Amino acid sequence: MHANDIQGCMIAMTNGGTTSMANQEHLALLQQGVEAWNSWRREHPQIKPDLDHALLENIYLSNSNLSGASFRGRIFRT
């Protein structure tokens, strides 16, 4: 999966007439790998990553700093 293939990794969920999905920039950073993700987290500690309703498929998350991240409605697949 290519890091820029965001649409293939996200699903949108409808709740009460509004659509909610993961922040595309956050998802793209996570897809770039642990080193890129953790570097971004160190540089932006005030940002709480929004990965709501993300389809996290074939993304290596071990050792990723996911503290404070929002994962409502997410789907994990291996």
N, C-alpha and C. Protein backbone atom coordinates (compact mmCIF):
# COMPACT_ATOMS: atom_id res chain seq x y z
N MET A 1 0.85 -1.17 0.00
CA MET A 1 0.00 0.00 0.00
C MET A 1 0.89 1.23 0.00
N HIS A 2 0.61 2.15 -0.84
CA HIS A 2 1.39 3.37 -0.97
C HIS A 2 0.94 4.38 0.07
N ALA A 3 1.87 5.15 0.63
CA ALA A 3 1.56 6.11 1.68
C ALA A 3 0.57 7.17 1.22
N ASN A 4 0.51 7.46 -0.06
CA ASN A 4 -0.41 8.48 -0.55
C ASN A 4 -1.76 7.92 -0.96
N ASP A 5 -1.97 6.62 -0.81
CA ASP A 5 -3.22 5.99 -1.18
C ASP A 5 -4.21 6.08 -0.03
N ILE A 6 -4.56 7.30 0.33
CA ILE A 6 -5.39 7.55 1.50
C ILE A 6 -6.80 7.00 1.30
N GLN A 7 -7.41 7.20 0.17
CA GLN A 7 -8.79 6.77 -0.02
C GLN A 7 -8.94 5.27 0.13
N GLY A 8 -7.93 4.50 -0.21
CA GLY A 8 -7.99 3.06 -0.07
C GLY A 8 -7.90 2.60 1.38
N CYS A 9 -7.59 3.50 2.28
CA CYS A 9 -7.37 3.13 3.68
C CYS A 9 -8.39 3.76 4.61
N MET A 10 -9.36 4.46 4.09
CA MET A 10 -10.31 5.15 4.94
C MET A 10 -11.73 4.75 4.60
N ILE A 11 -12.56 4.77 5.60
CA ILE A 11 -13.97 4.61 5.37
C ILE A 11 -14.67 5.78 6.04
N ALA A 12 -15.74 6.21 5.49
CA ALA A 12 -16.55 7.26 6.11
C ALA A 12 -17.75 6.62 6.76
N MET A 13 -18.09 7.10 7.93
CA MET A 13 -19.25 6.60 8.65
C MET A 13 -20.23 7.75 8.80
N THR A 14 -21.50 7.46 8.69
CA THR A 14 -22.53 8.48 8.86
C THR A 14 -23.18 8.27 10.21
N ASN A 15 -23.28 9.35 10.96
CA ASN A 15 -23.87 9.30 12.29
C ASN A 15 -24.72 10.55 12.47
N GLY A 16 -26.01 10.38 12.49
CA GLY A 16 -26.89 11.52 12.69
C GLY A 16 -26.83 12.53 11.56
N GLY A 17 -26.57 12.08 10.35
CA GLY A 17 -26.57 12.98 9.20
C GLY A 17 -25.24 13.64 8.94
N THR A 18 -24.24 13.39 9.78
CA THR A 18 -22.94 13.99 9.55
C THR A 18 -21.94 12.89 9.23
N THR A 19 -20.98 13.21 8.39
CA THR A 19 -19.96 12.24 8.03
C THR A 19 -18.70 12.53 8.82
N SER A 20 -18.13 11.50 9.40
CA SER A 20 -16.92 11.63 10.20
C SER A 20 -15.88 10.68 9.64
N MET A 21 -14.67 11.16 9.43
CA MET A 21 -13.60 10.28 9.00
C MET A 21 -12.29 10.78 9.56
N ALA A 22 -11.30 9.94 9.48
CA ALA A 22 -9.98 10.27 10.00
C ALA A 22 -9.40 11.49 9.30
N ASN A 23 -8.58 12.22 10.04
CA ASN A 23 -7.84 13.33 9.44
C ASN A 23 -6.88 12.73 8.41
N GLN A 24 -7.00 13.15 7.17
CA GLN A 24 -6.21 12.56 6.09
C GLN A 24 -4.72 12.76 6.27
N GLU A 25 -4.33 13.91 6.81
CA GLU A 25 -2.90 14.15 7.04
C GLU A 25 -2.36 13.21 8.11
N HIS A 26 -3.13 12.99 9.16
CA HIS A 26 -2.69 12.10 10.23
C HIS A 26 -2.57 10.67 9.71
N LEU A 27 -3.54 10.24 8.93
CA LEU A 27 -3.51 8.89 8.38
C LEU A 27 -2.33 8.71 7.43
N ALA A 28 -2.07 9.70 6.59
CA ALA A 28 -0.94 9.63 5.65
C ALA A 28 0.39 9.54 6.40
N LEU A 29 0.51 10.29 7.50
CA LEU A 29 1.73 10.23 8.30
C LEU A 29 1.90 8.85 8.92
N LEU A 30 0.84 8.28 9.43
CA LEU A 30 0.90 6.96 10.03
C LEU A 30 1.32 5.91 8.99
N GLN A 31 0.86 6.07 7.78
CA GLN A 31 1.20 5.14 6.71
C GLN A 31 2.66 5.24 6.29
N GLN A 32 3.31 6.34 6.60
CA GLN A 32 4.73 6.51 6.25
C GLN A 32 5.65 5.70 7.15
N GLY A 33 5.13 5.18 8.23
CA GLY A 33 5.92 4.32 9.10
C GLY A 33 6.14 4.89 10.48
N VAL A 34 6.63 4.02 11.35
CA VAL A 34 6.81 4.35 12.76
C VAL A 34 7.75 5.54 12.95
N GLU A 35 8.86 5.55 12.25
CA GLU A 35 9.85 6.62 12.43
C GLU A 35 9.26 7.99 12.05
N ALA A 36 8.60 8.07 10.90
CA ALA A 36 8.00 9.34 10.46
C ALA A 36 6.88 9.77 11.42
N TRP A 37 6.06 8.80 11.83
CA TRP A 37 4.95 9.11 12.73
C TRP A 37 5.46 9.63 14.08
N ASN A 38 6.39 8.89 14.68
CA ASN A 38 6.89 9.30 15.99
C ASN A 38 7.65 10.61 15.93
N SER A 39 8.34 10.87 14.84
CA SER A 39 9.02 12.16 14.67
C SER A 39 8.00 13.29 14.64
N TRP A 40 6.92 13.09 13.88
CA TRP A 40 5.86 14.11 13.80
C TRP A 40 5.22 14.32 15.17
N ARG A 41 5.00 13.23 15.92
CA ARG A 41 4.41 13.35 17.26
C ARG A 41 5.32 14.15 18.19
N ARG A 42 6.64 13.93 18.10
CA ARG A 42 7.57 14.69 18.94
C ARG A 42 7.54 16.17 18.59
N GLU A 43 7.40 16.48 17.31
CA GLU A 43 7.39 17.86 16.84
C GLU A 43 6.07 18.57 17.12
N HIS A 44 4.98 17.80 17.31
CA HIS A 44 3.65 18.37 17.50
C HIS A 44 2.93 17.70 18.67
N PRO A 45 3.50 17.78 19.88
CA PRO A 45 2.90 17.08 21.02
C PRO A 45 1.52 17.59 21.41
N GLN A 46 1.18 18.80 21.01
CA GLN A 46 -0.11 19.38 21.36
C GLN A 46 -1.26 18.85 20.49
N ILE A 47 -0.94 18.21 19.38
CA ILE A 47 -1.97 17.71 18.46
C ILE A 47 -2.40 16.31 18.88
N LYS A 48 -3.70 16.12 19.00
CA LYS A 48 -4.27 14.80 19.28
C LYS A 48 -4.68 14.18 17.95
N PRO A 49 -3.98 13.15 17.53
CA PRO A 49 -4.27 12.54 16.22
C PRO A 49 -5.71 12.05 16.11
N ASP A 50 -6.32 12.34 14.99
CA ASP A 50 -7.70 11.94 14.72
C ASP A 50 -7.68 10.82 13.70
N LEU A 51 -7.88 9.59 14.18
CA LEU A 51 -7.91 8.42 13.31
C LEU A 51 -9.28 7.77 13.37
N ASP A 52 -10.31 8.58 13.68
CA ASP A 52 -11.67 8.08 13.76
C ASP A 52 -12.09 7.45 12.44
N HIS A 53 -12.67 6.28 12.53
CA HIS A 53 -13.24 5.56 11.38
C HIS A 53 -12.23 5.20 10.31
N ALA A 54 -10.95 5.18 10.68
CA ALA A 54 -9.91 4.81 9.71
C ALA A 54 -9.86 3.30 9.55
N LEU A 55 -9.66 2.86 8.37
CA LEU A 55 -9.42 1.45 8.09
C LEU A 55 -7.91 1.27 8.15
N LEU A 56 -7.43 0.73 9.25
CA LEU A 56 -6.00 0.58 9.46
C LEU A 56 -5.60 -0.83 9.03
N GLU A 57 -5.36 -0.96 7.75
CA GLU A 57 -5.09 -2.25 7.15
C GLU A 57 -3.64 -2.32 6.71
N ASN A 58 -2.93 -3.34 7.18
CA ASN A 58 -1.54 -3.54 6.82
C ASN A 58 -0.65 -2.35 7.19
N ILE A 59 -0.99 -1.70 8.29
CA ILE A 59 -0.18 -0.60 8.80
C ILE A 59 0.50 -1.08 10.07
N TYR A 60 1.83 -1.01 10.11
CA TYR A 60 2.60 -1.46 11.25
C TYR A 60 2.49 -0.42 12.36
N LEU A 61 1.84 -0.79 13.48
CA LEU A 61 1.60 0.16 14.56
C LEU A 61 2.49 -0.07 15.77
N SER A 62 3.18 -1.19 15.83
CA SER A 62 4.02 -1.49 16.98
C SER A 62 5.07 -0.40 17.15
N ASN A 63 5.21 0.09 18.37
CA ASN A 63 6.15 1.15 18.75
C ASN A 63 5.74 2.53 18.25
N SER A 64 4.55 2.65 17.68
CA SER A 64 4.05 3.97 17.27
C SER A 64 3.48 4.68 18.49
N ASN A 65 3.79 5.96 18.62
CA ASN A 65 3.26 6.75 19.73
C ASN A 65 1.82 7.13 19.38
N LEU A 66 0.88 6.38 19.92
CA LEU A 66 -0.54 6.62 19.65
C LEU A 66 -1.25 7.20 20.86
N SER A 67 -0.50 7.68 21.84
CA SER A 67 -1.11 8.24 23.04
C SER A 67 -1.97 9.45 22.68
N GLY A 68 -3.16 9.47 23.23
CA GLY A 68 -4.08 10.58 23.00
C GLY A 68 -4.81 10.54 21.67
N ALA A 69 -4.51 9.55 20.83
CA ALA A 69 -5.15 9.47 19.51
C ALA A 69 -6.60 9.01 19.65
N SER A 70 -7.44 9.51 18.77
CA SER A 70 -8.85 9.13 18.74
C SER A 70 -9.04 8.05 17.69
N PHE A 71 -9.67 6.94 18.11
CA PHE A 71 -9.87 5.78 17.23
C PHE A 71 -11.33 5.37 17.15
N ARG A 72 -12.25 6.27 17.39
CA ARG A 72 -13.67 5.88 17.37
C ARG A 72 -14.05 5.29 16.01
N GLY A 73 -14.69 4.15 16.05
CA GLY A 73 -15.19 3.52 14.81
C GLY A 73 -14.11 2.99 13.90
N ARG A 74 -12.89 2.85 14.37
CA ARG A 74 -11.78 2.40 13.52
C ARG A 74 -11.94 0.92 13.22
N ILE A 75 -11.29 0.48 12.16
CA ILE A 75 -11.27 -0.92 11.76
C ILE A 75 -9.82 -1.34 11.60
N PHE A 76 -9.43 -2.37 12.34
CA PHE A 76 -8.07 -2.91 12.24
C PHE A 76 -8.14 -4.21 11.46
N ARG A 77 -7.28 -4.37 10.48
CA ARG A 77 -7.15 -5.61 9.74
C ARG A 77 -5.68 -5.92 9.55
N THR A 78 -5.38 -7.20 9.48
CA THR A 78 -3.98 -7.57 9.25
C THR A 78 -3.87 -8.30 7.94
